[in-house]
């Protein structure tokens, strides 16, 4: 497809997928590149796709068969692929009078240029990655809740390995969100295309990227603090048991010498 293929169309379907932890863009060879940062490649007869190193893909104008073939081609380059990838769909409508508005769940754009699609793709990619982490954090809450209930009832827990795993998982998610996805940061695209900033901010607000990122950070912090507290209590209980064992041994030794 050429860069003007979308200009004759009045609407497009966009879909974002969170395929895995990362995509090796350097090793990927996907036909003609239409743009970089984010990388956009031509796909099928009349479509294109933006690929992100943090594991997300956003494609425009693909039929289901074309999507399946495209995902199959890039799958070998996806690191730590997810069994059930998160997806997000969006209808995009051409409207030269209005831009960045949502009507009947469809986004209006003044033009379907590659730069405009890059801006849309960046927001959709971040949104679908946030959805993946939100689901993971919700599952972590469900797993750690029984431990908190046991503590509230005065029962101890011996699952130190689980607690360490929760702490490690929360730290890993935080590292990936800040170091790879950079959810709260504006893309480099806006430096070269400052006229797209208003559209980007509208999309960012529509998908509540900043609010969701902050909420996720708070939940991750709560999980980590809870797990650390439980682990500390567990270690203290074990320390007290060791002290009692030592006292008992001393008493036994004294009794044996009598």
Protein backbone atom coordinates (compact mmCIF):
# COMPACT_ATOMS: atom_id res chain seq x y z
CA UNK A 1 0.00 0.00 0.00
CA UNK A 2 1.16 3.58 -0.53
CA UNK A 3 1.01 6.37 2.03
CA UNK A 4 -2.17 7.76 0.49
CA UNK A 5 -4.15 4.51 0.47
CA UNK A 6 -6.27 5.56 3.44
CA UNK A 7 -7.10 8.99 2.07
CA UNK A 8 -9.85 7.62 -0.17
CA UNK A 9 -11.54 5.85 2.75
CA UNK A 10 -14.10 7.37 5.09
CA UNK A 11 -13.53 5.03 8.03
CA UNK A 12 -11.05 2.58 9.48
CA UNK A 13 -11.07 -0.10 12.10
CA UNK A 14 -8.19 -0.08 14.56
CA UNK A 15 -7.27 -2.89 16.91
CA UNK A 16 -4.60 -2.93 19.62
CA UNK A 17 -3.17 -6.19 20.97
CA UNK A 18 -0.80 -6.77 23.87
CA UNK A 19 1.00 -9.87 22.60
CA UNK A 20 3.81 -10.30 25.12
CA UNK A 21 6.46 -8.63 27.23
CA UNK A 22 8.44 -7.36 24.24
CA UNK A 23 8.86 -7.47 20.47
CA UNK A 24 12.30 -7.67 18.88
CA UNK A 25 11.88 -4.89 16.34
CA UNK A 26 15.48 -5.12 15.14
CA UNK A 27 15.14 -8.73 14.07
CA UNK A 28 11.71 -8.16 12.57
CA UNK A 29 11.49 -7.91 8.79
CA UNK A 30 7.96 -6.98 7.80
CA UNK A 31 8.00 -5.57 4.31
CA UNK A 32 8.04 -1.86 3.61
CA UNK A 33 8.45 0.50 6.52
CA UNK A 34 6.19 3.53 6.34
CA UNK A 35 7.50 5.31 9.45
CA UNK A 36 9.64 4.84 12.55
CA UNK A 37 9.21 5.69 16.24
CA UNK A 38 6.79 4.10 16.43
CA UNK A 39 7.55 1.65 13.67
CA UNK A 40 4.77 1.46 11.08
CA UNK A 41 4.78 -1.19 8.35
CA UNK A 42 2.46 -1.89 5.44
CA UNK A 43 0.30 -4.97 5.97
CA UNK A 44 -1.99 -6.72 3.50
CA UNK A 45 -3.51 -4.93 0.55
CA UNK A 46 -4.77 -1.78 2.26
CA UNK A 47 -3.63 -1.87 5.88
CA UNK A 48 -0.78 -0.98 8.17
CA UNK A 49 0.40 -1.73 11.68
CA UNK A 50 2.39 0.07 14.37
CA UNK A 51 4.68 -2.12 16.47
CA UNK A 52 6.07 -1.28 19.90
CA UNK A 53 9.06 -2.86 21.60
CA UNK A 54 7.09 -3.35 24.83
CA UNK A 55 4.93 -6.03 23.22
CA UNK A 56 1.99 -4.12 21.75
CA UNK A 57 0.76 -3.97 18.16
CA UNK A 58 -1.88 -1.65 16.70
CA UNK A 59 -3.16 -2.32 13.20
CA UNK A 60 -5.47 -0.32 10.95
CA UNK A 61 -7.71 -1.46 8.12
CA UNK A 62 -7.02 -5.20 8.33
CA UNK A 63 -9.50 -7.94 7.61
CA UNK A 64 -9.65 -10.84 10.14
CA UNK A 65 -7.73 -13.14 7.79
CA UNK A 66 -5.04 -10.50 7.28
CA UNK A 67 -4.79 -9.94 11.03
CA UNK A 68 -4.34 -13.65 11.72
CA UNK A 69 -1.62 -13.93 9.08
CA UNK A 70 0.15 -10.82 10.37
CA UNK A 71 0.13 -11.96 14.00
CA UNK A 72 1.42 -15.35 12.92
CA UNK A 73 4.35 -13.73 11.10
CA UNK A 74 5.48 -11.61 14.04
CA UNK A 75 4.82 -14.22 16.74
CA UNK A 76 8.39 -15.66 16.60
CA UNK A 77 9.72 -12.21 17.51
CA UNK A 78 7.48 -11.81 20.57
CA UNK A 79 9.28 -12.38 23.87
CA UNK A 80 7.34 -14.07 26.69
CA UNK A 81 4.06 -14.20 24.73
CA UNK A 82 0.78 -14.08 26.63
CA UNK A 83 -1.70 -16.95 26.42
CA UNK A 84 -4.66 -14.56 26.25
CA UNK A 85 -3.59 -11.19 24.82
CA UNK A 86 -5.57 -8.12 25.83
CA UNK A 87 -7.24 -6.35 22.90
CA UNK A 88 -8.89 -2.99 22.32
CA UNK A 89 -10.91 -1.95 19.27
CA UNK A 90 -11.68 1.50 17.90
CA UNK A 91 -13.58 2.80 14.89
CA UNK A 92 -11.94 5.81 13.25
CA UNK A 93 -14.00 8.12 11.03
CA UNK A 94 -12.74 10.76 8.60
CA UNK A 95 -14.15 14.22 9.37
CA UNK A 96 -12.28 17.28 8.12
CA UNK A 97 -14.38 19.65 10.21
CA UNK A 98 -14.00 17.93 13.58
CA UNK A 99 -11.00 16.20 15.03
CA UNK A 100 -10.34 14.25 18.19
CA UNK A 101 -14.00 13.91 19.14
CA UNK A 102 -15.81 10.70 20.01
CA UNK A 103 -19.26 10.14 18.56
CA UNK A 104 -21.01 6.79 18.88
CA UNK A 105 -17.74 5.32 20.19
CA UNK A 106 -15.93 6.37 17.00
CA UNK A 107 -12.96 8.73 16.83
CA UNK A 108 -12.99 11.51 14.24
CA UNK A 109 -9.77 12.46 12.46
CA UNK A 110 -9.14 15.22 9.96
CA UNK A 111 -6.93 12.97 7.86
CA UNK A 112 -5.66 9.39 7.79
CA UNK A 113 -1.99 10.25 7.39
CA UNK A 114 0.66 7.97 8.85
CA UNK A 115 1.54 10.57 11.48
CA UNK A 116 -2.07 10.77 12.68
CA UNK A 117 -2.29 6.99 12.86
CA UNK A 118 0.97 6.89 14.81
CA UNK A 119 -0.51 9.21 17.43
CA UNK A 120 -3.63 7.07 17.73
CA UNK A 121 -1.56 3.90 17.87
CA UNK A 122 0.63 5.21 20.69
CA UNK A 123 -2.39 5.85 22.92
CA UNK A 124 -4.11 2.56 22.06
CA UNK A 125 -0.90 0.61 22.68
CA UNK A 126 -0.42 2.17 26.10
CA UNK A 127 -4.07 1.61 26.95
CA UNK A 128 -3.99 -2.09 26.09
CA UNK A 129 -0.76 -2.60 28.05
CA UNK A 130 -2.33 -0.87 31.04
CA UNK A 131 -5.32 -3.21 30.69
CA UNK A 132 -2.95 -6.18 30.82
CA UNK A 133 -1.26 -4.94 33.99
CA UNK A 134 -4.60 -3.96 35.55
CA UNK A 135 -5.82 -7.54 35.10
CA UNK A 136 -2.60 -8.87 36.63
CA UNK A 137 -2.83 -6.56 39.64
CA UNK A 138 -6.48 -7.51 40.19
CA UNK A 139 -5.46 -11.18 40.22
CA UNK A 140 -2.66 -10.39 42.71
CA UNK A 141 -5.19 -8.71 45.01
CA UNK A 142 -7.34 -11.84 44.91
CA UNK A 143 -4.35 -14.01 45.81
CA UNK A 144 -3.03 -11.88 48.65
CA UNK A 145 -6.42 -11.20 50.26
CA UNK A 146 -6.62 -14.61 52.03
CA UNK A 147 -3.25 -13.92 53.66
CA UNK A 148 -4.52 -10.60 55.02
CA UNK A 149 -7.71 -12.27 56.27
CA UNK A 150 -5.62 -14.88 58.09
CA UNK A 151 -3.58 -12.12 59.70
CA UNK A 152 -6.74 -10.30 60.78
CA UNK A 153 -7.95 -13.50 62.46
CA UNK A 154 -4.67 -13.86 64.28
CA UNK A 155 -3.47 -16.72 62.13
CA UNK A 156 0.07 -16.74 60.80
CA UNK A 157 1.13 -17.65 57.33
CA UNK A 158 3.94 -19.88 56.26
CA UNK A 159 3.86 -19.03 52.57
CA UNK A 160 6.99 -16.89 52.51
CA UNK A 161 7.73 -18.01 48.95
CA UNK A 162 4.36 -16.63 47.81
CA UNK A 163 5.02 -13.33 49.57
CA UNK A 164 8.42 -12.98 47.94
CA UNK A 165 6.84 -13.73 44.57
CA UNK A 166 4.21 -10.98 45.07
CA UNK A 167 6.91 -8.48 46.01
CA UNK A 168 8.99 -9.46 42.98
CA UNK A 169 5.98 -9.30 40.65
CA UNK A 170 5.00 -5.79 41.74
CA UNK A 171 8.57 -4.52 41.35
CA UNK A 172 8.78 -6.10 37.90
CA UNK A 173 5.53 -4.48 36.73
CA UNK A 174 6.68 -1.09 38.02
CA UNK A 175 10.01 -1.46 36.24
CA UNK A 176 8.34 -2.41 32.97
CA UNK A 177 5.80 0.41 33.10
CA UNK A 178 8.42 3.06 33.82
CA UNK A 179 11.37 1.67 31.88
CA UNK A 180 9.69 0.25 28.78
CA UNK A 181 6.19 1.55 28.24
CA UNK A 182 6.66 5.08 29.64
CA UNK A 183 2.90 5.46 29.98
CA UNK A 184 3.06 8.92 31.50
CA UNK A 185 5.45 10.26 28.85
CA UNK A 186 4.53 11.87 25.55
CA UNK A 187 5.96 10.16 22.45
CA UNK A 188 8.89 11.55 20.48
CA UNK A 189 6.48 11.88 17.55
CA UNK A 190 5.12 15.08 19.08
CA UNK A 191 8.51 16.75 18.93
CA UNK A 192 8.53 16.37 15.15
CA UNK A 193 4.77 16.89 14.75
CA UNK A 194 3.74 19.48 17.39
CA UNK A 195 0.43 20.01 15.60
CA UNK A 196 -0.61 16.53 16.76
CA UNK A 197 -0.24 17.34 20.45
CA UNK A 198 -3.82 18.55 20.89
CA UNK A 199 -5.16 15.34 19.35
CA UNK A 200 -2.80 13.25 21.46
CA UNK A 201 -3.83 14.98 24.70
CA UNK A 202 -7.50 14.44 23.88
CA UNK A 203 -6.91 10.75 23.29
CA UNK A 204 -4.76 10.52 26.40
CA UNK A 205 -7.60 12.03 28.44
CA UNK A 206 -10.26 9.89 26.76
CA UNK A 207 -8.44 6.69 27.69
CA UNK A 208 -7.46 8.11 31.11
CA UNK A 209 -3.86 7.00 30.70
CA UNK A 210 -2.44 9.17 33.48
CA UNK A 211 -5.25 8.35 35.93
CA UNK A 212 -5.01 4.62 35.27
CA UNK A 213 -1.24 4.72 35.57
CA UNK A 214 -1.43 6.47 38.96
CA UNK A 215 -4.14 4.09 40.18
CA UNK A 216 -2.03 1.13 39.12
CA UNK A 217 1.01 2.57 40.89
CA UNK A 218 -1.00 2.95 44.11
CA UNK A 219 -2.28 -0.61 43.92
CA UNK A 220 1.20 -1.97 43.22
CA UNK A 221 2.56 -0.03 46.18
CA UNK A 222 -0.20 -1.40 48.42
CA UNK A 223 0.45 -4.98 47.33
CA UNK A 224 4.19 -4.60 47.91
CA UNK A 225 3.70 -3.00 51.34
CA UNK A 226 1.21 -5.68 52.39
CA UNK A 227 3.46 -8.50 51.25
CA UNK A 228 6.49 -6.94 52.95
CA UNK A 229 4.55 -6.52 56.22
CA UNK A 230 3.35 -10.13 56.16
CA UNK A 231 6.84 -11.35 55.34
CA UNK A 232 8.32 -9.34 58.22
CA UNK A 233 5.74 -10.77 60.63
CA UNK A 234 6.49 -14.25 59.36
CA UNK A 235 10.21 -13.76 59.87
CA UNK A 236 9.62 -12.36 63.38
CA UNK A 237 7.49 -15.37 64.28
CA UNK A 238 10.22 -17.69 63.09
CA UNK A 239 12.79 -15.73 65.09
CA UNK A 240 10.66 -16.05 68.22
CA UNK A 241 10.31 -19.79 67.66
CA UNK A 242 14.09 -20.12 67.38
CA UNK A 243 14.48 -18.21 70.66
CA UNK A 244 12.04 -20.56 72.38
CA UNK A 245 13.88 -23.57 71.00
CA UNK A 246 17.11 -22.20 72.47
CA UNK A 247 15.46 -21.63 75.86
CA UNK A 248 14.04 -25.15 75.86
CA UNK A 249 17.45 -26.62 75.01
CA UNK A 250 19.06 -24.65 77.85
CA UNK A 251 16.41 -25.84 80.30
CA UNK A 252 16.87 -29.43 79.17
CA UNK A 253 20.63 -29.12 79.56
CA UNK A 254 20.19 -27.79 83.10
CA UNK A 255 17.76 -30.57 83.98
CA UNK A 256 20.20 -33.18 82.69
CA UNK A 257 22.97 -31.82 84.91
CA UNK A 258 20.85 -32.00 88.06
